[in-house]
């Protein structure tokens, strides 16, 4: 005859064993998880966006071992988004001549432990750019979230190097840097 304590121990053990099997057991599908676009915004301290050429040049300087960042060859009106490719990855940079709406970044500023004066730096920015990794287009293989975030991070670094940044807001993560 099992005691009540013995039954509880057996139930907990079974529960933990099932949880470990679920966490580390064989996965049902080996297909990569499809992700939405990885997006971040650069806050600029002025109203001027860096040119496609300046961003590409900065990319080459910062990431010499990566495939070059090529702007779309199609003519585009002044101020329209810039489409880039690097290898098989499609990226977009879109400058918006207004600040990021404060309610969008306020919470991220409040919880930023890496940058304590985030709010004072970002409240004074004048414009922003949206940087995004686009699924589809020239992307010939499924993109995982990490590869997309890395491509966007490199685009951000190049665009910040080419402009006058005040900071970066990662909307997907609710973080400011």
C-alpha atoms as a PDB file:
ATOM      1  CA  UNK A   1       0.000   0.000   0.000  1.00  0.00           C
ATOM      2  CA  UNK A   2       1.439   3.350  -1.070  1.00  0.00           C
ATOM      3  CA  UNK A   3       1.205   6.280   1.250  1.00  0.00           C
ATOM      4  CA  UNK A   4      -0.138   9.690   0.205  1.00  0.00           C
ATOM      5  CA  UNK A   5       3.423  11.033   0.213  1.00  0.00           C
ATOM      6  CA  UNK A   6       4.533   8.160  -2.026  1.00  0.00           C
ATOM      7  CA  UNK A   7       1.736   8.912  -4.516  1.00  0.00           C
ATOM      8  CA  UNK A   8       2.670  12.599  -4.585  1.00  0.00           C
ATOM      9  CA  UNK A   9       6.343  11.751  -5.149  1.00  0.00           C
ATOM     10  CA  UNK A  10       5.432   9.366  -7.962  1.00  0.00           C
ATOM     11  CA  UNK A  11       3.184  11.979  -9.614  1.00  0.00           C
ATOM     12  CA  UNK A  12       5.864  14.678  -9.399  1.00  0.00           C
ATOM     13  CA  UNK A  13       8.499  12.323 -10.765  1.00  0.00           C
ATOM     14  CA  UNK A  14       6.244  11.362 -13.686  1.00  0.00           C
ATOM     15  CA  UNK A  15       5.459  15.040 -14.360  1.00  0.00           C
ATOM     16  CA  UNK A  16       9.167  15.991 -14.369  1.00  0.00           C
ATOM     17  CA  UNK A  17      10.057  13.046 -16.605  1.00  0.00           C
ATOM     18  CA  UNK A  18       7.359  14.071 -19.108  1.00  0.00           C
ATOM     19  CA  UNK A  19       8.527  17.693 -18.988  1.00  0.00           C
ATOM     20  CA  UNK A  20      12.143  16.661 -19.713  1.00  0.00           C
ATOM     21  CA  UNK A  21      10.976  14.428 -22.553  1.00  0.00           C
ATOM     22  CA  UNK A  22       8.982  17.338 -23.990  1.00  0.00           C
ATOM     23  CA  UNK A  23      11.932  19.745 -23.673  1.00  0.00           C
ATOM     24  CA  UNK A  24      14.708  17.476 -24.905  1.00  0.00           C
ATOM     25  CA  UNK A  25      12.886  14.704 -26.749  1.00  0.00           C
ATOM     26  CA  UNK A  26      12.598  14.177 -30.457  1.00  0.00           C
ATOM     27  CA  UNK A  27      10.998  17.095 -32.269  1.00  0.00           C
ATOM     28  CA  UNK A  28       8.043  16.446 -34.522  1.00  0.00           C
ATOM     29  CA  UNK A  29       9.288  18.712 -37.306  1.00  0.00           C
ATOM     30  CA  UNK A  30      12.746  19.686 -38.462  1.00  0.00           C
ATOM     31  CA  UNK A  31      11.406  22.571 -40.553  1.00  0.00           C
ATOM     32  CA  UNK A  32      12.778  25.971 -39.522  1.00  0.00           C
ATOM     33  CA  UNK A  33      10.405  28.177 -37.593  1.00  0.00           C
ATOM     34  CA  UNK A  34       9.073  30.911 -39.828  1.00  0.00           C
ATOM     35  CA  UNK A  35       9.552  34.384 -38.401  1.00  0.00           C
ATOM     36  CA  UNK A  36       8.152  37.758 -39.205  1.00  0.00           C
ATOM     37  CA  UNK A  37      10.396  40.644 -40.112  1.00  0.00           C
ATOM     38  CA  UNK A  38      13.119  41.598 -37.646  1.00  0.00           C
ATOM     39  CA  UNK A  39      12.873  45.355 -37.257  1.00  0.00           C
ATOM     40  CA  UNK A  40      14.634  48.117 -35.362  1.00  0.00           C
ATOM     41  CA  UNK A  41      14.614  51.911 -35.501  1.00  0.00           C
ATOM     42  CA  UNK A  42      17.588  54.247 -35.415  1.00  0.00           C
ATOM     43  CA  UNK A  43      16.854  57.562 -33.714  1.00  0.00           C
ATOM     44  CA  UNK A  44      18.790  60.386 -35.408  1.00  0.00           C
ATOM     45  CA  UNK A  45      19.758  63.661 -33.764  1.00  0.00           C
ATOM     46  CA  UNK A  46      19.121  65.576 -37.008  1.00  0.00           C
ATOM     47  CA  UNK A  47      16.700  65.504 -39.954  1.00  0.00           C
ATOM     48  CA  UNK A  48      19.206  64.150 -42.478  1.00  0.00           C
ATOM     49  CA  UNK A  49      19.307  60.520 -43.542  1.00  0.00           C
ATOM     50  CA  UNK A  50      22.595  58.970 -44.623  1.00  0.00           C
ATOM     51  CA  UNK A  51      22.757  58.137 -48.327  1.00  0.00           C
ATOM     52  CA  UNK A  52      22.647  54.581 -49.673  1.00  0.00           C
ATOM     53  CA  UNK A  53      26.258  54.986 -50.776  1.00  0.00           C
ATOM     54  CA  UNK A  54      27.380  56.147 -47.301  1.00  0.00           C
ATOM     55  CA  UNK A  55      25.610  53.187 -45.663  1.00  0.00           C
ATOM     56  CA  UNK A  56      27.174  50.725 -48.156  1.00  0.00           C
ATOM     57  CA  UNK A  57      30.634  52.227 -47.613  1.00  0.00           C
ATOM     58  CA  UNK A  58      30.252  52.028 -43.831  1.00  0.00           C
ATOM     59  CA  UNK A  59      29.110  48.378 -44.157  1.00  0.00           C
ATOM     60  CA  UNK A  60      32.263  47.545 -46.130  1.00  0.00           C
ATOM     61  CA  UNK A  61      34.464  49.295 -43.549  1.00  0.00           C
ATOM     62  CA  UNK A  62      32.770  47.638 -40.570  1.00  0.00           C
ATOM     63  CA  UNK A  63      32.220  44.161 -42.053  1.00  0.00           C
ATOM     64  CA  UNK A  64      34.973  43.487 -44.615  1.00  0.00           C
ATOM     65  CA  UNK A  65      34.483  39.705 -44.441  1.00  0.00           C
ATOM     66  CA  UNK A  66      30.750  39.871 -45.207  1.00  0.00           C
ATOM     67  CA  UNK A  67      29.173  40.067 -48.664  1.00  0.00           C
ATOM     68  CA  UNK A  68      28.908  43.682 -49.818  1.00  0.00           C
ATOM     69  CA  UNK A  69      25.741  45.658 -49.082  1.00  0.00           C
ATOM     70  CA  UNK A  70      24.292  46.564 -52.487  1.00  0.00           C
ATOM     71  CA  UNK A  71      21.589  49.239 -52.830  1.00  0.00           C
ATOM     72  CA  UNK A  72      18.809  48.520 -55.306  1.00  0.00           C
ATOM     73  CA  UNK A  73      19.803  49.805 -58.737  1.00  0.00           C
ATOM     74  CA  UNK A  74      16.298  51.090 -59.499  1.00  0.00           C
ATOM     75  CA  UNK A  75      15.969  54.873 -59.516  1.00  0.00           C
ATOM     76  CA  UNK A  76      13.898  56.078 -56.575  1.00  0.00           C
ATOM     77  CA  UNK A  77      12.468  59.422 -55.539  1.00  0.00           C
ATOM     78  CA  UNK A  78      14.321  61.383 -52.860  1.00  0.00           C
ATOM     79  CA  UNK A  79      13.301  60.238 -49.381  1.00  0.00           C
ATOM     80  CA  UNK A  80      11.870  56.887 -50.437  1.00  0.00           C
ATOM     81  CA  UNK A  81      12.962  53.646 -48.716  1.00  0.00           C
ATOM     82  CA  UNK A  82      16.239  52.087 -49.791  1.00  0.00           C
ATOM     83  CA  UNK A  83      16.260  48.377 -50.600  1.00  0.00           C
ATOM     84  CA  UNK A  84      19.572  46.584 -50.065  1.00  0.00           C
ATOM     85  CA  UNK A  85      20.836  43.065 -50.668  1.00  0.00           C
ATOM     86  CA  UNK A  86      23.808  41.318 -49.128  1.00  0.00           C
ATOM     87  CA  UNK A  87      24.396  37.791 -50.306  1.00  0.00           C
ATOM     88  CA  UNK A  88      20.868  36.371 -50.495  1.00  0.00           C
ATOM     89  CA  UNK A  89      19.439  38.609 -47.755  1.00  0.00           C
ATOM     90  CA  UNK A  90      17.102  41.513 -48.499  1.00  0.00           C
ATOM     91  CA  UNK A  91      17.122  44.529 -46.179  1.00  0.00           C
ATOM     92  CA  UNK A  92      15.316  47.857 -46.168  1.00  0.00           C
ATOM     93  CA  UNK A  93      16.210  51.255 -44.697  1.00  0.00           C
ATOM     94  CA  UNK A  94      13.414  53.836 -44.549  1.00  0.00           C
ATOM     95  CA  UNK A  95      14.084  57.309 -43.142  1.00  0.00           C
ATOM     96  CA  UNK A  96      11.140  59.083 -41.510  1.00  0.00           C
ATOM     97  CA  UNK A  97      11.602  62.808 -40.905  1.00  0.00           C
ATOM     98  CA  UNK A  98       9.813  62.765 -37.544  1.00  0.00           C
ATOM     99  CA  UNK A  99      10.828  61.373 -34.153  1.00  0.00           C
ATOM    100  CA  UNK A 100       9.752  57.896 -33.074  1.00  0.00           C
ATOM    101  CA  UNK A 101       6.442  58.472 -31.256  1.00  0.00           C
ATOM    102  CA  UNK A 102       7.305  58.791 -27.563  1.00  0.00           C
ATOM    103  CA  UNK A 103       4.710  56.254 -26.318  1.00  0.00           C
ATOM    104  CA  UNK A 104       6.419  53.689 -28.572  1.00  0.00           C
ATOM    105  CA  UNK A 105       9.795  53.990 -26.791  1.00  0.00           C
ATOM    106  CA  UNK A 106       8.882  55.287 -23.327  1.00  0.00           C
ATOM    107  CA  UNK A 107       8.616  51.891 -21.611  1.00  0.00           C
ATOM    108  CA  UNK A 108      11.820  50.669 -23.245  1.00  0.00           C
ATOM    109  CA  UNK A 109      13.608  53.762 -21.911  1.00  0.00           C
ATOM    110  CA  UNK A 110      12.270  53.168 -18.405  1.00  0.00           C
ATOM    111  CA  UNK A 111      13.542  49.579 -18.261  1.00  0.00           C
ATOM    112  CA  UNK A 112      16.914  50.184 -19.922  1.00  0.00           C
ATOM    113  CA  UNK A 113      19.494  49.169 -17.334  1.00  0.00           C
ATOM    114  CA  UNK A 114      22.415  49.320 -19.801  1.00  0.00           C
ATOM    115  CA  UNK A 115      21.817  52.977 -20.638  1.00  0.00           C
ATOM    116  CA  UNK A 116      20.422  54.818 -17.596  1.00  0.00           C
ATOM    117  CA  UNK A 117      19.891  58.197 -19.343  1.00  0.00           C
ATOM    118  CA  UNK A 118      18.149  56.713 -22.379  1.00  0.00           C
ATOM    119  CA  UNK A 119      15.075  58.911 -22.060  1.00  0.00           C
ATOM    120  CA  UNK A 120      17.002  62.200 -22.120  1.00  0.00           C
ATOM    121  CA  UNK A 121      18.982  61.115 -25.196  1.00  0.00           C
ATOM    122  CA  UNK A 122      16.028  59.776 -27.143  1.00  0.00           C
ATOM    123  CA  UNK A 123      13.544  62.521 -26.254  1.00  0.00           C
ATOM    124  CA  UNK A 124      15.646  65.020 -28.189  1.00  0.00           C
ATOM    125  CA  UNK A 125      15.982  63.029 -31.424  1.00  0.00           C
ATOM    126  CA  UNK A 126      14.633  64.656 -34.601  1.00  0.00           C
ATOM    127  CA  UNK A 127      14.046  61.793 -37.055  1.00  0.00           C
ATOM    128  CA  UNK A 128      14.344  58.040 -37.296  1.00  0.00           C
ATOM    129  CA  UNK A 129      14.962  55.225 -39.735  1.00  0.00           C
ATOM    130  CA  UNK A 130      13.266  51.849 -39.858  1.00  0.00           C
ATOM    131  CA  UNK A 131      15.657  48.982 -40.593  1.00  0.00           C
ATOM    132  CA  UNK A 132      14.151  45.630 -41.478  1.00  0.00           C
ATOM    133  CA  UNK A 133      15.169  42.233 -42.831  1.00  0.00           C
ATOM    134  CA  UNK A 134      12.606  41.219 -45.422  1.00  0.00           C
ATOM    135  CA  UNK A 135      11.546  37.622 -45.923  1.00  0.00           C
ATOM    136  CA  UNK A 136      11.090  36.719 -49.558  1.00  0.00           C
ATOM    137  CA  UNK A 137      12.577  38.854 -52.295  1.00  0.00           C
ATOM    138  CA  UNK A 138      16.069  37.597 -53.006  1.00  0.00           C
ATOM    139  CA  UNK A 139      16.130  35.479 -49.862  1.00  0.00           C
ATOM    140  CA  UNK A 140      16.436  32.006 -51.346  1.00  0.00           C
ATOM    141  CA  UNK A 141      16.390  30.053 -48.095  1.00  0.00           C
ATOM    142  CA  UNK A 142      14.200  30.372 -45.008  1.00  0.00           C
ATOM    143  CA  UNK A 143      15.639  32.920 -42.603  1.00  0.00           C
ATOM    144  CA  UNK A 144      15.804  32.203 -38.926  1.00  0.00           C
ATOM    145  CA  UNK A 145      15.237  34.930 -36.371  1.00  0.00           C
ATOM    146  CA  UNK A 146      18.901  35.067 -35.312  1.00  0.00           C
ATOM    147  CA  UNK A 147      20.215  35.446 -38.883  1.00  0.00           C
ATOM    148  CA  UNK A 148      17.628  38.150 -39.561  1.00  0.00           C
ATOM    149  CA  UNK A 149      18.462  40.021 -36.352  1.00  0.00           C
ATOM    150  CA  UNK A 150      22.176  39.825 -37.184  1.00  0.00           C
ATOM    151  CA  UNK A 151      21.602  41.251 -40.681  1.00  0.00           C
ATOM    152  CA  UNK A 152      19.495  44.087 -39.231  1.00  0.00           C
ATOM    153  CA  UNK A 153      22.147  44.721 -36.558  1.00  0.00           C
ATOM    154  CA  UNK A 154      24.797  45.090 -39.251  1.00  0.00           C
ATOM    155  CA  UNK A 155      22.580  47.445 -41.257  1.00  0.00           C
ATOM    156  CA  UNK A 156      21.986  49.501 -38.101  1.00  0.00           C
ATOM    157  CA  UNK A 157      25.714  49.662 -37.347  1.00  0.00           C
ATOM    158  CA  UNK A 158      26.477  50.835 -40.898  1.00  0.00           C
ATOM    159  CA  UNK A 159      23.630  53.386 -40.945  1.00  0.00           C
ATOM    160  CA  UNK A 160      24.658  54.722 -37.526  1.00  0.00           C
ATOM    161  CA  UNK A 161      28.287  54.960 -38.661  1.00  0.00           C
ATOM    162  CA  UNK A 162      27.133  56.950 -41.709  1.00  0.00           C
ATOM    163  CA  UNK A 163      24.772  59.315 -39.829  1.00  0.00           C
ATOM    164  CA  UNK A 164      24.305  61.181 -36.536  1.00  0.00           C
ATOM    165  CA  UNK A 165      22.546  58.652 -34.276  1.00  0.00           C
ATOM    166  CA  UNK A 166      20.949  59.285 -30.901  1.00  0.00           C
ATOM    167  CA  UNK A 167      20.197  55.603 -30.196  1.00  0.00           C
ATOM    168  CA  UNK A 168      18.495  52.424 -31.395  1.00  0.00           C
ATOM    169  CA  UNK A 169      15.076  51.076 -30.475  1.00  0.00           C
ATOM    170  CA  UNK A 170      14.413  47.360 -30.991  1.00  0.00           C
ATOM    171  CA  UNK A 171      10.622  47.190 -31.097  1.00  0.00           C
ATOM    172  CA  UNK A 172      10.537  43.376 -31.173  1.00  0.00           C
ATOM    173  CA  UNK A 173      12.449  43.235 -27.880  1.00  0.00           C
ATOM    174  CA  UNK A 174      11.270  46.486 -26.291  1.00  0.00           C
ATOM    175  CA  UNK A 175      14.890  47.612 -25.810  1.00  0.00           C
ATOM    176  CA  UNK A 176      16.869  50.788 -26.398  1.00  0.00           C
ATOM    177  CA  UNK A 177      20.623  50.921 -27.035  1.00  0.00           C
END
